[in-house]
């Protein structure tokens, strides 16, 4: 029996400035990257926590990671099932209620709009969305519940 591979991931995060003037005064702007990918992200905290709304924040990145993983998992499942997916767009959301302690994302809702070539039933596609959700590495890694509410449409081949 061969040993299964273990995949490692790396992320870099950097900030400099001063917190000497207290909580409301320091700059939340920082940078992040994930080698070997080249792009560097301009990050901040959410505006509710005095961050810059023009920059991505950690909560958005968690939601984006869950949405991206579901997309990639579904495309893989659909390709293995020989379905012809033509478009996939997700409008994902999450809630972070400050009244609940410790403060955390309470739920992530993925709302993919999936367009496929006619052939499979909607029931079959919904089943494959669920299979993809069970296989999604990010959803499986989170303590926050991730719910998927797909909208499915079909187009003619061509």
N, C-alpha and C. Protein backbone atom coordinates (compact mmCIF):
# COMPACT_ATOMS: atom_id res chain seq x y z
N UNK A 1 0.85 -1.18 0.00
CA UNK A 1 0.00 0.00 0.00
C UNK A 1 0.90 1.24 0.00
N UNK A 2 0.68 2.15 -0.95
CA UNK A 2 1.51 3.35 -1.03
C UNK A 2 0.94 4.44 -0.14
N UNK A 3 1.83 5.28 0.31
CA UNK A 3 1.44 6.38 1.18
C UNK A 3 0.82 7.50 0.35
N UNK A 4 -0.27 8.08 0.84
CA UNK A 4 -0.94 9.18 0.14
C UNK A 4 -0.11 10.46 0.26
N UNK A 5 -0.09 11.28 -0.80
CA UNK A 5 0.69 12.52 -0.73
C UNK A 5 0.08 13.51 0.26
N UNK A 6 0.91 14.35 0.82
CA UNK A 6 0.49 15.44 1.68
C UNK A 6 0.87 16.72 0.96
N UNK A 7 -0.08 17.60 0.76
CA UNK A 7 0.16 18.85 0.05
C UNK A 7 0.38 19.97 1.07
N UNK A 8 1.36 20.80 0.83
CA UNK A 8 1.66 21.91 1.73
C UNK A 8 1.35 23.24 1.04
N UNK A 9 0.87 24.19 1.79
CA UNK A 9 0.53 25.51 1.26
C UNK A 9 1.20 26.56 2.12
N UNK A 10 1.61 27.65 1.47
CA UNK A 10 2.34 28.71 2.17
C UNK A 10 1.67 30.04 1.88
N UNK A 11 1.61 30.89 2.86
CA UNK A 11 1.09 32.25 2.68
C UNK A 11 1.98 33.22 3.45
N UNK A 12 2.20 34.37 2.86
CA UNK A 12 2.99 35.42 3.49
C UNK A 12 2.10 36.62 3.75
N UNK A 13 2.25 37.24 4.90
CA UNK A 13 1.46 38.40 5.28
C UNK A 13 2.40 39.41 5.93
N UNK A 14 2.32 40.69 5.53
CA UNK A 14 3.25 41.69 6.08
C UNK A 14 2.55 43.02 6.33
N UNK A 15 2.88 43.64 7.46
CA UNK A 15 2.37 44.94 7.86
C UNK A 15 3.50 45.69 8.52
N UNK A 16 3.52 47.00 8.36
CA UNK A 16 4.43 47.83 9.14
C UNK A 16 3.74 49.15 9.41
N UNK A 17 4.07 49.76 10.50
CA UNK A 17 3.44 51.02 10.92
C UNK A 17 3.64 51.21 12.40
N UNK A 18 2.64 51.78 13.07
CA UNK A 18 2.72 51.99 14.51
C UNK A 18 1.33 51.89 15.11
N UNK A 19 1.24 51.23 16.25
CA UNK A 19 -0.01 51.15 17.00
C UNK A 19 0.03 52.03 18.24
N UNK A 20 1.02 52.91 18.32
CA UNK A 20 1.25 53.73 19.52
C UNK A 20 0.08 54.66 19.85
N UNK A 21 -0.68 55.07 18.86
CA UNK A 21 -1.78 56.00 19.10
C UNK A 21 -3.11 55.31 19.40
N UNK A 22 -3.09 53.98 19.59
CA UNK A 22 -4.29 53.26 19.99
C UNK A 22 -5.06 52.63 18.85
N UNK A 23 -6.13 51.92 19.23
CA UNK A 23 -6.91 51.12 18.29
C UNK A 23 -7.46 51.91 17.10
N UNK A 24 -8.07 53.07 17.30
CA UNK A 24 -8.66 53.74 16.14
C UNK A 24 -7.65 54.34 15.16
N UNK A 25 -6.40 54.48 15.57
CA UNK A 25 -5.45 55.27 14.79
C UNK A 25 -4.55 54.47 13.84
N UNK A 26 -4.30 53.20 14.08
CA UNK A 26 -3.32 52.51 13.24
C UNK A 26 -3.90 52.08 11.90
N UNK A 27 -3.03 52.00 10.92
CA UNK A 27 -3.41 51.64 9.56
C UNK A 27 -3.59 50.13 9.46
N UNK A 28 -4.73 49.70 8.95
CA UNK A 28 -5.01 48.27 8.80
C UNK A 28 -4.47 47.69 7.49
N UNK A 29 -3.97 48.54 6.60
CA UNK A 29 -3.49 48.09 5.30
C UNK A 29 -2.28 47.17 5.46
N UNK A 30 -2.32 46.06 4.75
CA UNK A 30 -1.20 45.13 4.73
C UNK A 30 -1.21 44.37 3.42
N UNK A 31 -0.21 43.55 3.19
CA UNK A 31 -0.07 42.84 1.93
C UNK A 31 0.01 41.34 2.21
N UNK A 32 -0.46 40.57 1.25
CA UNK A 32 -0.39 39.13 1.39
C UNK A 32 -0.07 38.48 0.06
N UNK A 33 0.58 37.34 0.12
CA UNK A 33 0.87 36.56 -1.08
C UNK A 33 0.93 35.09 -0.71
N UNK A 34 0.93 34.26 -1.74
CA UNK A 34 0.97 32.82 -1.53
C UNK A 34 1.89 32.19 -2.58
N UNK A 35 3.20 32.21 -2.30
CA UNK A 35 4.15 31.64 -3.26
C UNK A 35 3.82 30.18 -3.55
N UNK A 36 4.02 29.72 -4.77
CA UNK A 36 4.76 30.36 -5.84
C UNK A 36 3.92 31.29 -6.72
N UNK A 37 2.62 31.48 -6.42
CA UNK A 37 1.82 32.43 -7.19
C UNK A 37 2.42 33.82 -7.03
N UNK A 38 2.45 34.57 -8.09
CA UNK A 38 3.10 35.88 -8.07
C UNK A 38 2.25 37.02 -7.54
N UNK A 39 0.94 37.04 -7.75
CA UNK A 39 0.20 38.23 -7.32
C UNK A 39 0.31 38.49 -5.83
N UNK A 40 0.43 39.75 -5.50
CA UNK A 40 0.39 40.16 -4.10
C UNK A 40 -0.93 40.88 -3.89
N UNK A 41 -1.64 40.55 -2.84
CA UNK A 41 -2.94 41.14 -2.56
C UNK A 41 -2.81 42.32 -1.61
N UNK A 42 -3.57 43.36 -1.89
CA UNK A 42 -3.68 44.50 -0.97
C UNK A 42 -4.82 44.18 -0.02
N UNK A 43 -4.53 44.05 1.25
CA UNK A 43 -5.49 43.61 2.26
C UNK A 43 -5.73 44.67 3.32
N UNK A 44 -6.82 44.53 4.04
CA UNK A 44 -7.16 45.40 5.16
C UNK A 44 -8.15 44.65 6.03
N UNK A 45 -8.62 45.32 7.07
CA UNK A 45 -9.74 44.75 7.83
C UNK A 45 -11.03 45.26 7.20
N UNK A 46 -12.15 44.67 7.60
CA UNK A 46 -13.45 45.12 7.12
C UNK A 46 -13.67 46.56 7.58
N UNK A 47 -14.41 47.37 6.81
CA UNK A 47 -14.68 48.75 7.25
C UNK A 47 -15.31 48.84 8.64
N UNK A 48 -16.08 47.81 9.04
CA UNK A 48 -16.66 47.81 10.39
C UNK A 48 -15.59 47.81 11.46
N UNK A 49 -14.38 47.39 11.10
CA UNK A 49 -13.26 47.34 12.03
C UNK A 49 -12.17 48.31 11.59
N UNK A 50 -12.63 49.43 11.00
CA UNK A 50 -11.79 50.56 10.60
C UNK A 50 -10.84 50.26 9.45
N UNK A 51 -11.22 49.32 8.61
CA UNK A 51 -10.41 48.97 7.45
C UNK A 51 -10.79 49.73 6.20
N UNK A 52 -10.02 49.53 5.18
CA UNK A 52 -10.19 50.18 3.89
C UNK A 52 -11.13 49.35 3.02
N UNK A 53 -12.31 49.88 2.64
CA UNK A 53 -13.26 49.09 1.84
C UNK A 53 -12.75 48.78 0.43
N UNK A 54 -11.71 49.45 -0.02
CA UNK A 54 -11.16 49.20 -1.35
C UNK A 54 -10.23 47.99 -1.37
N UNK A 55 -9.91 47.45 -0.20
CA UNK A 55 -9.01 46.29 -0.11
C UNK A 55 -9.80 45.07 0.36
N UNK A 56 -9.35 43.91 -0.07
CA UNK A 56 -9.94 42.66 0.42
C UNK A 56 -9.66 42.49 1.90
N UNK A 57 -10.60 41.84 2.61
CA UNK A 57 -10.37 41.56 4.02
C UNK A 57 -10.40 40.04 4.25
N UNK A 58 -9.93 39.58 5.41
CA UNK A 58 -9.86 38.13 5.65
C UNK A 58 -11.21 37.42 5.54
N UNK A 59 -12.27 38.06 5.99
CA UNK A 59 -13.58 37.43 5.92
C UNK A 59 -14.00 37.21 4.46
N UNK A 60 -13.75 38.20 3.62
CA UNK A 60 -14.05 38.05 2.19
C UNK A 60 -13.22 36.93 1.58
N UNK A 61 -11.98 36.82 1.99
CA UNK A 61 -11.11 35.78 1.44
C UNK A 61 -11.61 34.38 1.82
N UNK A 62 -12.15 34.22 3.02
CA UNK A 62 -12.70 32.92 3.43
C UNK A 62 -13.91 32.57 2.55
N UNK A 63 -14.80 33.55 2.34
CA UNK A 63 -15.97 33.33 1.51
C UNK A 63 -15.54 33.02 0.07
N UNK A 64 -14.58 33.78 -0.43
CA UNK A 64 -14.08 33.55 -1.78
C UNK A 64 -13.44 32.17 -1.90
N UNK A 65 -12.69 31.76 -0.90
CA UNK A 65 -12.06 30.43 -0.93
C UNK A 65 -13.13 29.34 -0.98
N UNK A 66 -14.19 29.48 -0.19
CA UNK A 66 -15.26 28.48 -0.20
C UNK A 66 -15.96 28.45 -1.56
N UNK A 67 -16.23 29.61 -2.14
CA UNK A 67 -16.89 29.68 -3.44
C UNK A 67 -16.01 29.10 -4.55
N UNK A 68 -14.74 29.45 -4.53
CA UNK A 68 -13.80 28.97 -5.54
C UNK A 68 -13.64 27.45 -5.45
N UNK A 69 -13.53 26.93 -4.25
CA UNK A 69 -13.37 25.49 -4.06
C UNK A 69 -14.61 24.74 -4.55
N UNK A 70 -15.80 25.26 -4.24
CA UNK A 70 -17.04 24.62 -4.71
C UNK A 70 -17.08 24.63 -6.23
N UNK A 71 -16.71 25.75 -6.86
CA UNK A 71 -16.68 25.84 -8.32
C UNK A 71 -15.74 24.78 -8.89
N UNK A 72 -14.53 24.73 -8.38
CA UNK A 72 -13.55 23.77 -8.91
C UNK A 72 -13.97 22.33 -8.66
N UNK A 73 -14.56 22.06 -7.49
CA UNK A 73 -15.03 20.71 -7.18
C UNK A 73 -16.17 20.31 -8.11
N UNK A 74 -17.10 21.25 -8.35
CA UNK A 74 -18.22 20.93 -9.23
C UNK A 74 -17.74 20.69 -10.67
N UNK A 75 -16.85 21.54 -11.16
CA UNK A 75 -16.35 21.35 -12.52
C UNK A 75 -15.68 19.98 -12.66
N UNK A 76 -14.93 19.57 -11.64
CA UNK A 76 -14.26 18.26 -11.69
C UNK A 76 -15.29 17.13 -11.70
N UNK A 77 -16.29 17.22 -10.83
CA UNK A 77 -17.34 16.19 -10.76
C UNK A 77 -18.12 16.16 -12.09
N UNK A 78 -18.47 17.33 -12.60
CA UNK A 78 -19.23 17.39 -13.86
C UNK A 78 -18.41 16.85 -15.02
N UNK A 79 -17.13 17.17 -15.07
CA UNK A 79 -16.28 16.67 -16.16
C UNK A 79 -16.16 15.15 -16.09
N UNK A 80 -16.01 14.60 -14.88
CA UNK A 80 -15.92 13.14 -14.74
C UNK A 80 -17.23 12.47 -15.16
N UNK A 81 -18.36 13.18 -14.95
CA UNK A 81 -19.67 12.65 -15.34
C UNK A 81 -20.01 12.97 -16.80
N UNK A 82 -19.09 13.61 -17.50
CA UNK A 82 -19.25 13.97 -18.92
C UNK A 82 -20.40 14.94 -19.16
N UNK A 83 -20.66 15.83 -18.19
CA UNK A 83 -21.64 16.90 -18.39
C UNK A 83 -20.92 18.08 -19.03
N UNK A 84 -21.65 18.83 -19.84
CA UNK A 84 -21.07 19.99 -20.52
C UNK A 84 -21.50 21.27 -19.80
N UNK A 85 -20.69 21.72 -18.84
CA UNK A 85 -20.97 22.95 -18.11
C UNK A 85 -20.47 24.11 -18.97
N UNK A 86 -21.31 25.11 -19.17
CA UNK A 86 -20.94 26.25 -20.01
C UNK A 86 -20.69 27.53 -19.21
N UNK A 87 -21.29 27.63 -18.02
CA UNK A 87 -21.11 28.85 -17.23
C UNK A 87 -21.38 28.53 -15.76
N UNK A 88 -20.64 29.16 -14.89
CA UNK A 88 -20.80 28.96 -13.45
C UNK A 88 -20.46 30.29 -12.79
N UNK A 89 -21.41 30.88 -12.11
CA UNK A 89 -21.20 32.16 -11.43
C UNK A 89 -21.82 32.07 -10.04
N UNK A 90 -21.06 32.47 -9.05
CA UNK A 90 -21.53 32.37 -7.68
C UNK A 90 -21.61 33.75 -7.04
N UNK A 91 -22.69 33.99 -6.32
CA UNK A 91 -22.86 35.21 -5.53
C UNK A 91 -22.92 34.75 -4.07
N UNK A 92 -21.76 34.51 -3.50
CA UNK A 92 -21.66 33.93 -2.16
C UNK A 92 -21.72 35.02 -1.09
N UNK A 93 -22.27 34.66 0.06
CA UNK A 93 -22.36 35.60 1.18
C UNK A 93 -22.01 34.87 2.48
N UNK A 94 -21.73 35.67 3.49
CA UNK A 94 -21.49 35.13 4.83
C UNK A 94 -21.97 36.14 5.85
N UNK A 95 -22.30 35.65 7.02
CA UNK A 95 -22.72 36.51 8.13
C UNK A 95 -21.70 36.40 9.25
N UNK A 96 -21.44 37.55 9.90
CA UNK A 96 -20.55 37.59 11.05
C UNK A 96 -21.25 38.40 12.15
N UNK A 97 -22.07 37.73 12.95
CA UNK A 97 -22.78 38.45 14.02
C UNK A 97 -21.83 38.76 15.19
N UNK A 98 -21.71 40.02 15.52
CA UNK A 98 -20.80 40.41 16.61
C UNK A 98 -21.34 40.02 17.99
N UNK A 99 -22.64 39.75 18.10
CA UNK A 99 -23.22 39.40 19.39
C UNK A 99 -22.84 37.99 19.83
N UNK A 100 -22.48 37.13 18.90
CA UNK A 100 -22.11 35.75 19.22
C UNK A 100 -20.62 35.72 19.56
N UNK A 101 -20.28 35.12 20.68
CA UNK A 101 -18.88 35.03 21.11
C UNK A 101 -18.42 33.60 21.10
N UNK A 102 -17.22 33.29 20.66
CA UNK A 102 -16.31 34.22 20.03
C UNK A 102 -16.85 34.64 18.66
N UNK A 103 -16.53 35.87 18.26
CA UNK A 103 -17.01 36.38 16.97
C UNK A 103 -16.43 35.51 15.85
N UNK A 104 -17.30 35.09 14.94
CA UNK A 104 -16.88 34.21 13.83
C UNK A 104 -17.94 34.27 12.74
N UNK A 105 -17.57 33.82 11.57
CA UNK A 105 -18.55 33.67 10.50
C UNK A 105 -19.54 32.60 10.95
N UNK A 106 -20.83 32.92 10.94
CA UNK A 106 -21.82 31.96 11.42
C UNK A 106 -22.32 31.04 10.32
N UNK A 107 -22.22 31.49 9.07
CA UNK A 107 -22.69 30.68 7.95
C UNK A 107 -22.16 31.28 6.66
N UNK A 108 -21.82 30.43 5.71
CA UNK A 108 -21.47 30.84 4.36
C UNK A 108 -22.52 30.23 3.44
N UNK A 109 -23.08 31.05 2.57
CA UNK A 109 -24.08 30.56 1.63
C UNK A 109 -23.54 30.78 0.22
N UNK A 110 -23.42 29.69 -0.52
CA UNK A 110 -22.99 29.73 -1.91
C UNK A 110 -24.23 29.65 -2.78
N UNK A 111 -24.32 30.51 -3.78
CA UNK A 111 -25.48 30.54 -4.67
C UNK A 111 -25.02 30.44 -6.13
N UNK A 112 -24.47 29.30 -6.50
CA UNK A 112 -24.00 29.19 -7.88
C UNK A 112 -25.15 29.16 -8.88
N UNK A 113 -24.97 29.88 -9.98
CA UNK A 113 -25.86 29.82 -11.14
C UNK A 113 -25.10 29.01 -12.18
N UNK A 114 -25.57 27.81 -12.41
CA UNK A 114 -24.85 26.86 -13.26
C UNK A 114 -25.63 26.65 -14.55
N UNK A 115 -24.96 26.87 -15.67
CA UNK A 115 -25.58 26.67 -16.98
C UNK A 115 -24.88 25.50 -17.66
N UNK A 116 -25.68 24.53 -18.10
CA UNK A 116 -25.17 23.32 -18.74
C UNK A 116 -25.89 23.09 -20.06
N UNK A 117 -25.27 22.29 -20.91
CA UNK A 117 -25.93 21.85 -22.13
C UNK A 117 -26.99 20.82 -21.74
N UNK A 118 -28.15 20.91 -22.41
CA UNK A 118 -29.26 19.99 -22.14
C UNK A 118 -28.79 18.54 -22.20
N UNK A 119 -29.42 17.72 -21.41
CA UNK A 119 -29.09 16.29 -21.38
C UNK A 119 -29.36 15.72 -20.01
N UNK A 120 -28.59 16.13 -19.00
CA UNK A 120 -28.85 15.59 -17.66
C UNK A 120 -30.10 16.23 -17.07
N UNK A 121 -30.72 15.52 -16.12
CA UNK A 121 -31.87 16.09 -15.42
C UNK A 121 -31.37 17.08 -14.37
N UNK A 122 -32.26 17.97 -13.96
CA UNK A 122 -31.91 18.91 -12.90
C UNK A 122 -31.57 18.15 -11.62
N UNK A 123 -32.32 17.07 -11.36
CA UNK A 123 -32.06 16.23 -10.18
C UNK A 123 -30.63 15.69 -10.20
N UNK A 124 -30.17 15.23 -11.36
CA UNK A 124 -28.79 14.71 -11.50
C UNK A 124 -27.77 15.81 -11.22
N UNK A 125 -28.01 17.00 -11.75
CA UNK A 125 -27.07 18.11 -11.54
C UNK A 125 -27.04 18.48 -10.06
N UNK A 126 -28.19 18.55 -9.42
CA UNK A 126 -28.24 18.86 -7.98
C UNK A 126 -27.47 17.80 -7.17
N UNK A 127 -27.61 16.56 -7.56
CA UNK A 127 -26.85 15.49 -6.89
C UNK A 127 -25.35 15.73 -7.05
N UNK A 128 -24.92 16.11 -8.23
CA UNK A 128 -23.50 16.35 -8.46
C UNK A 128 -23.00 17.60 -7.72
N UNK A 129 -23.88 18.60 -7.55
CA UNK A 129 -23.53 19.76 -6.72
C UNK A 129 -23.25 19.29 -5.29
N UNK A 130 -24.09 18.39 -4.78
CA UNK A 130 -23.89 17.84 -3.42
C UNK A 130 -22.60 17.01 -3.34
N UNK A 131 -22.33 16.21 -4.35
CA UNK A 131 -21.09 15.43 -4.37
C UNK A 131 -19.91 16.39 -4.33
N UNK A 132 -19.96 17.44 -5.14
CA UNK A 132 -18.88 18.43 -5.16
C UNK A 132 -18.72 19.09 -3.79
N UNK A 133 -19.83 19.38 -3.15
CA UNK A 133 -19.77 20.00 -1.81
C UNK A 133 -19.08 19.07 -0.82
N UNK A 134 -19.41 17.78 -0.88
CA UNK A 134 -18.77 16.81 0.02
C UNK A 134 -17.28 16.68 -0.27
N UNK A 135 -16.87 16.94 -1.52
CA UNK A 135 -15.46 16.83 -1.91
C UNK A 135 -14.69 18.14 -1.78
N UNK A 136 -15.36 19.23 -1.45
CA UNK A 136 -14.71 20.55 -1.38
C UNK A 136 -13.77 20.62 -0.18
N UNK A 137 -12.48 20.76 -0.45
CA UNK A 137 -11.46 20.78 0.60
C UNK A 137 -11.69 21.93 1.59
N UNK A 138 -12.08 23.09 1.09
CA UNK A 138 -12.24 24.25 1.97
C UNK A 138 -13.46 24.07 2.87
N UNK A 139 -14.60 23.69 2.31
CA UNK A 139 -15.79 23.47 3.13
C UNK A 139 -15.51 22.41 4.20
N UNK A 140 -14.75 21.38 3.83
CA UNK A 140 -14.41 20.33 4.79
C UNK A 140 -13.45 20.82 5.86
N UNK A 141 -12.77 21.92 5.61
CA UNK A 141 -11.78 22.44 6.56
C UNK A 141 -12.36 23.47 7.53
N UNK A 142 -13.54 23.96 7.24
CA UNK A 142 -14.12 25.04 8.04
C UNK A 142 -15.06 24.52 9.12
N UNK A 143 -15.05 25.19 10.27
CA UNK A 143 -16.04 24.92 11.31
C UNK A 143 -17.36 25.62 10.97
N UNK A 144 -17.30 26.65 10.17
CA UNK A 144 -18.49 27.39 9.75
C UNK A 144 -19.31 26.56 8.76
N UNK A 145 -20.60 26.45 8.97
CA UNK A 145 -21.42 25.72 8.01
C UNK A 145 -21.41 26.41 6.64
N UNK A 146 -21.30 25.61 5.59
CA UNK A 146 -21.34 26.11 4.22
C UNK A 146 -22.55 25.46 3.56
N UNK A 147 -23.48 26.30 3.10
CA UNK A 147 -24.70 25.84 2.45
C UNK A 147 -24.62 26.20 0.97
N UNK A 148 -25.09 25.31 0.10
CA UNK A 148 -25.07 25.54 -1.34
C UNK A 148 -26.51 25.58 -1.85
N UNK A 149 -26.88 26.69 -2.50
CA UNK A 149 -28.21 26.87 -3.05
C UNK A 149 -28.09 27.12 -4.56
N UNK A 150 -27.97 26.06 -5.35
CA UNK A 150 -27.73 26.24 -6.79
C UNK A 150 -28.99 26.65 -7.56
N UNK A 151 -28.77 27.42 -8.60
CA UNK A 151 -29.78 27.69 -9.62
C UNK A 151 -29.24 27.06 -10.89
N UNK A 152 -30.03 26.20 -11.52
CA UNK A 152 -29.55 25.42 -12.64
C UNK A 152 -30.35 25.78 -13.90
N UNK A 153 -29.61 26.02 -14.98
CA UNK A 153 -30.24 26.33 -16.25
C UNK A 153 -29.60 25.48 -17.34
N UNK A 154 -30.36 25.25 -18.40
CA UNK A 154 -29.88 24.44 -19.51
C UNK A 154 -29.94 25.25 -20.80
N UNK A 155 -28.99 24.99 -21.68
CA UNK A 155 -28.97 25.59 -23.01
C UNK A 155 -28.84 24.48 -24.03
N UNK A 156 -29.22 24.80 -25.26
CA UNK A 156 -29.05 23.83 -26.33
C UNK A 156 -27.59 23.72 -26.71
N UNK A 157 -27.18 22.55 -27.15
CA UNK A 157 -25.80 22.35 -27.61
C UNK A 157 -25.55 23.23 -28.83
N UNK A 158 -24.31 23.66 -28.94
CA UNK A 158 -23.99 24.43 -30.14
C UNK A 158 -23.17 25.63 -29.90
